[in-house]
């Protein structure tokens, strides 16, 4: 089950999740995933851009940011779809959010066994 997140609520929801997320871009037919630090520039999100990520966005500007479940937020991951463009300096991506959801963990969430 997914819960829609209104775009105007994103700053608060992202603040609760923290600035570290995974950026998913597409190259040809395969996804490319990198961990990024997320900041704000007005209503847009800003993340650093490596060479491959920038190349991917030049061809496929639709991207997704993922904040996975954590101990503080065990029930839902946050997914933010956005349209990306390279900034004027060429070292960061500016992401305009288009859709966001809190996505429930599928199946039963099981923690790996520990010997503690």
C-alpha atoms as a PDB file:
ATOM      1  CA  UNK A   1       0.000   0.000   0.000  1.00  0.00           C
ATOM      2  CA  UNK A   2       1.256   3.456  -0.867  1.00  0.00           C
ATOM      3  CA  UNK A   3       0.391   6.750   0.763  1.00  0.00           C
ATOM      4  CA  UNK A   4       0.572   9.794  -1.499  1.00  0.00           C
ATOM      5  CA  UNK A   5       2.695  12.661  -0.190  1.00  0.00           C
ATOM      6  CA  UNK A   6       1.629  16.140  -1.283  1.00  0.00           C
ATOM      7  CA  UNK A   7       4.532  17.978  -2.901  1.00  0.00           C
ATOM      8  CA  UNK A   8       4.064  20.915  -0.530  1.00  0.00           C
ATOM      9  CA  UNK A   9       4.655  18.494   2.383  1.00  0.00           C
ATOM     10  CA  UNK A  10       7.940  17.147   0.961  1.00  0.00           C
ATOM     11  CA  UNK A  11      10.284  19.499   2.862  1.00  0.00           C
ATOM     12  CA  UNK A  12       8.922  18.293   6.207  1.00  0.00           C
ATOM     13  CA  UNK A  13       8.839  14.613   5.187  1.00  0.00           C
ATOM     14  CA  UNK A  14      12.392  14.738   3.809  1.00  0.00           C
ATOM     15  CA  UNK A  15      13.611  16.599   6.899  1.00  0.00           C
ATOM     16  CA  UNK A  16      12.261  13.729   9.017  1.00  0.00           C
ATOM     17  CA  UNK A  17      14.098  11.181   6.818  1.00  0.00           C
ATOM     18  CA  UNK A  18      17.439  12.978   6.627  1.00  0.00           C
ATOM     19  CA  UNK A  19      19.581  14.322   3.802  1.00  0.00           C
ATOM     20  CA  UNK A  20      20.969  10.971   2.606  1.00  0.00           C
ATOM     21  CA  UNK A  21      19.053   9.158  -0.138  1.00  0.00           C
ATOM     22  CA  UNK A  22      19.599   6.906  -3.149  1.00  0.00           C
ATOM     23  CA  UNK A  23      19.276   8.454  -6.608  1.00  0.00           C
ATOM     24  CA  UNK A  24      18.072   6.117  -9.355  1.00  0.00           C
ATOM     25  CA  UNK A  25      18.786   7.072 -12.970  1.00  0.00           C
ATOM     26  CA  UNK A  26      18.576   4.994 -16.144  1.00  0.00           C
ATOM     27  CA  UNK A  27      21.336   4.304 -18.660  1.00  0.00           C
ATOM     28  CA  UNK A  28      20.220   2.539 -21.797  1.00  0.00           C
ATOM     29  CA  UNK A  29      18.256  -0.340 -20.269  1.00  0.00           C
ATOM     30  CA  UNK A  30      19.791  -0.631 -16.794  1.00  0.00           C
ATOM     31  CA  UNK A  31      19.283   1.393 -13.630  1.00  0.00           C
ATOM     32  CA  UNK A  32      22.178   3.259 -12.037  1.00  0.00           C
ATOM     33  CA  UNK A  33      21.957   3.859  -8.277  1.00  0.00           C
ATOM     34  CA  UNK A  34      24.126   6.198  -6.201  1.00  0.00           C
ATOM     35  CA  UNK A  35      23.886   7.489  -2.657  1.00  0.00           C
ATOM     36  CA  UNK A  36      23.593  11.284  -2.547  1.00  0.00           C
ATOM     37  CA  UNK A  37      23.275  14.151  -0.097  1.00  0.00           C
ATOM     38  CA  UNK A  38      20.030  16.001  -0.805  1.00  0.00           C
ATOM     39  CA  UNK A  39      19.558  19.750  -0.405  1.00  0.00           C
ATOM     40  CA  UNK A  40      16.942  22.308  -1.368  1.00  0.00           C
ATOM     41  CA  UNK A  41      17.027  25.190  -3.847  1.00  0.00           C
ATOM     42  CA  UNK A  42      13.636  26.872  -3.628  1.00  0.00           C
ATOM     43  CA  UNK A  43      11.048  24.189  -4.473  1.00  0.00           C
ATOM     44  CA  UNK A  44      13.652  21.985  -6.188  1.00  0.00           C
ATOM     45  CA  UNK A  45      15.966  19.367  -4.729  1.00  0.00           C
ATOM     46  CA  UNK A  46      19.697  19.517  -5.449  1.00  0.00           C
ATOM     47  CA  UNK A  47      22.125  16.573  -5.442  1.00  0.00           C
ATOM     48  CA  UNK A  48      25.750  16.163  -6.566  1.00  0.00           C
ATOM     49  CA  UNK A  49      26.207  14.785 -10.079  1.00  0.00           C
ATOM     50  CA  UNK A  50      28.910  12.342 -11.085  1.00  0.00           C
ATOM     51  CA  UNK A  51      29.837  11.861 -14.736  1.00  0.00           C
ATOM     52  CA  UNK A  52      27.691   8.764 -15.337  1.00  0.00           C
ATOM     53  CA  UNK A  53      24.709  10.229 -13.491  1.00  0.00           C
ATOM     54  CA  UNK A  54      24.938  13.461 -15.512  1.00  0.00           C
ATOM     55  CA  UNK A  55      25.184  11.475 -18.758  1.00  0.00           C
ATOM     56  CA  UNK A  56      22.132   9.403 -17.794  1.00  0.00           C
ATOM     57  CA  UNK A  57      20.050  12.488 -17.017  1.00  0.00           C
ATOM     58  CA  UNK A  58      20.986  14.093 -20.339  1.00  0.00           C
ATOM     59  CA  UNK A  59      19.228  11.190 -22.101  1.00  0.00           C
ATOM     60  CA  UNK A  60      16.638  10.165 -19.499  1.00  0.00           C
ATOM     61  CA  UNK A  61      15.729  13.100 -17.210  1.00  0.00           C
ATOM     62  CA  UNK A  62      13.150  11.163 -15.172  1.00  0.00           C
ATOM     63  CA  UNK A  63      14.735  10.049 -11.876  1.00  0.00           C
ATOM     64  CA  UNK A  64      13.699   8.680  -8.493  1.00  0.00           C
ATOM     65  CA  UNK A  65      15.043   9.412  -5.025  1.00  0.00           C
ATOM     66  CA  UNK A  66      14.654   6.651  -2.443  1.00  0.00           C
ATOM     67  CA  UNK A  67      14.828   6.924   1.326  1.00  0.00           C
ATOM     68  CA  UNK A  68      14.669   3.294   2.522  1.00  0.00           C
ATOM     69  CA  UNK A  69      13.046   2.130   5.732  1.00  0.00           C
ATOM     70  CA  UNK A  70      15.033   2.767   8.901  1.00  0.00           C
ATOM     71  CA  UNK A  71      14.629   1.950  12.566  1.00  0.00           C
ATOM     72  CA  UNK A  72      12.991   5.376  12.968  1.00  0.00           C
ATOM     73  CA  UNK A  73      10.703   4.759   9.955  1.00  0.00           C
ATOM     74  CA  UNK A  74      10.252   0.964   9.759  1.00  0.00           C
ATOM     75  CA  UNK A  75       6.929   0.815   7.912  1.00  0.00           C
ATOM     76  CA  UNK A  76       7.449   2.871   4.743  1.00  0.00           C
ATOM     77  CA  UNK A  77      10.142   3.883   2.260  1.00  0.00           C
ATOM     78  CA  UNK A  78       9.887   7.351   0.742  1.00  0.00           C
ATOM     79  CA  UNK A  79       9.994   7.514  -3.067  1.00  0.00           C
ATOM     80  CA  UNK A  80      10.185  10.861  -4.858  1.00  0.00           C
ATOM     81  CA  UNK A  81       9.909  10.949  -8.653  1.00  0.00           C
ATOM     82  CA  UNK A  82      11.404  14.021 -10.301  1.00  0.00           C
ATOM     83  CA  UNK A  83      12.571  15.562 -13.540  1.00  0.00           C
ATOM     84  CA  UNK A  84      16.307  16.312 -13.422  1.00  0.00           C
ATOM     85  CA  UNK A  85      18.562  18.779 -15.185  1.00  0.00           C
ATOM     86  CA  UNK A  86      22.233  19.636 -14.810  1.00  0.00           C
ATOM     87  CA  UNK A  87      22.873  22.965 -13.078  1.00  0.00           C
ATOM     88  CA  UNK A  88      24.765  25.820 -14.771  1.00  0.00           C
ATOM     89  CA  UNK A  89      28.099  24.795 -13.215  1.00  0.00           C
ATOM     90  CA  UNK A  90      27.650  21.182 -14.360  1.00  0.00           C
ATOM     91  CA  UNK A  91      28.414  19.576 -11.001  1.00  0.00           C
ATOM     92  CA  UNK A  92      24.943  19.175  -9.512  1.00  0.00           C
ATOM     93  CA  UNK A  93      21.497  18.043 -10.569  1.00  0.00           C
ATOM     94  CA  UNK A  94      18.419  20.147  -9.948  1.00  0.00           C
ATOM     95  CA  UNK A  95      15.414  17.878  -9.398  1.00  0.00           C
ATOM     96  CA  UNK A  96      11.847  19.116  -9.788  1.00  0.00           C
ATOM     97  CA  UNK A  97       9.613  16.721  -7.834  1.00  0.00           C
ATOM     98  CA  UNK A  98       6.615  15.404  -9.766  1.00  0.00           C
ATOM     99  CA  UNK A  99       5.241  12.714  -7.438  1.00  0.00           C
ATOM    100  CA  UNK A 100       5.970  11.300  -3.988  1.00  0.00           C
ATOM    101  CA  UNK A 101       4.735   8.318  -1.979  1.00  0.00           C
ATOM    102  CA  UNK A 102       5.397   6.509   1.244  1.00  0.00           C
ATOM    103  CA  UNK A 103       5.591   2.894   0.112  1.00  0.00           C
ATOM    104  CA  UNK A 104       4.851   0.103   2.567  1.00  0.00           C
ATOM    105  CA  UNK A 105       7.389  -2.639   2.986  1.00  0.00           C
ATOM    106  CA  UNK A 106       6.180  -5.697   1.077  1.00  0.00           C
ATOM    107  CA  UNK A 107       5.768  -9.046   2.762  1.00  0.00           C
ATOM    108  CA  UNK A 108       6.986  -9.563   6.273  1.00  0.00           C
ATOM    109  CA  UNK A 109       9.870  -7.438   7.391  1.00  0.00           C
ATOM    110  CA  UNK A 110      12.375  -9.731   9.026  1.00  0.00           C
ATOM    111  CA  UNK A 111      15.619  -8.696  10.561  1.00  0.00           C
ATOM    112  CA  UNK A 112      18.652 -10.869   9.950  1.00  0.00           C
ATOM    113  CA  UNK A 113      19.544 -13.042  12.940  1.00  0.00           C
ATOM    114  CA  UNK A 114      22.236 -11.766  15.251  1.00  0.00           C
ATOM    115  CA  UNK A 115      24.288 -13.584  17.817  1.00  0.00           C
ATOM    116  CA  UNK A 116      24.043 -10.824  20.405  1.00  0.00           C
END
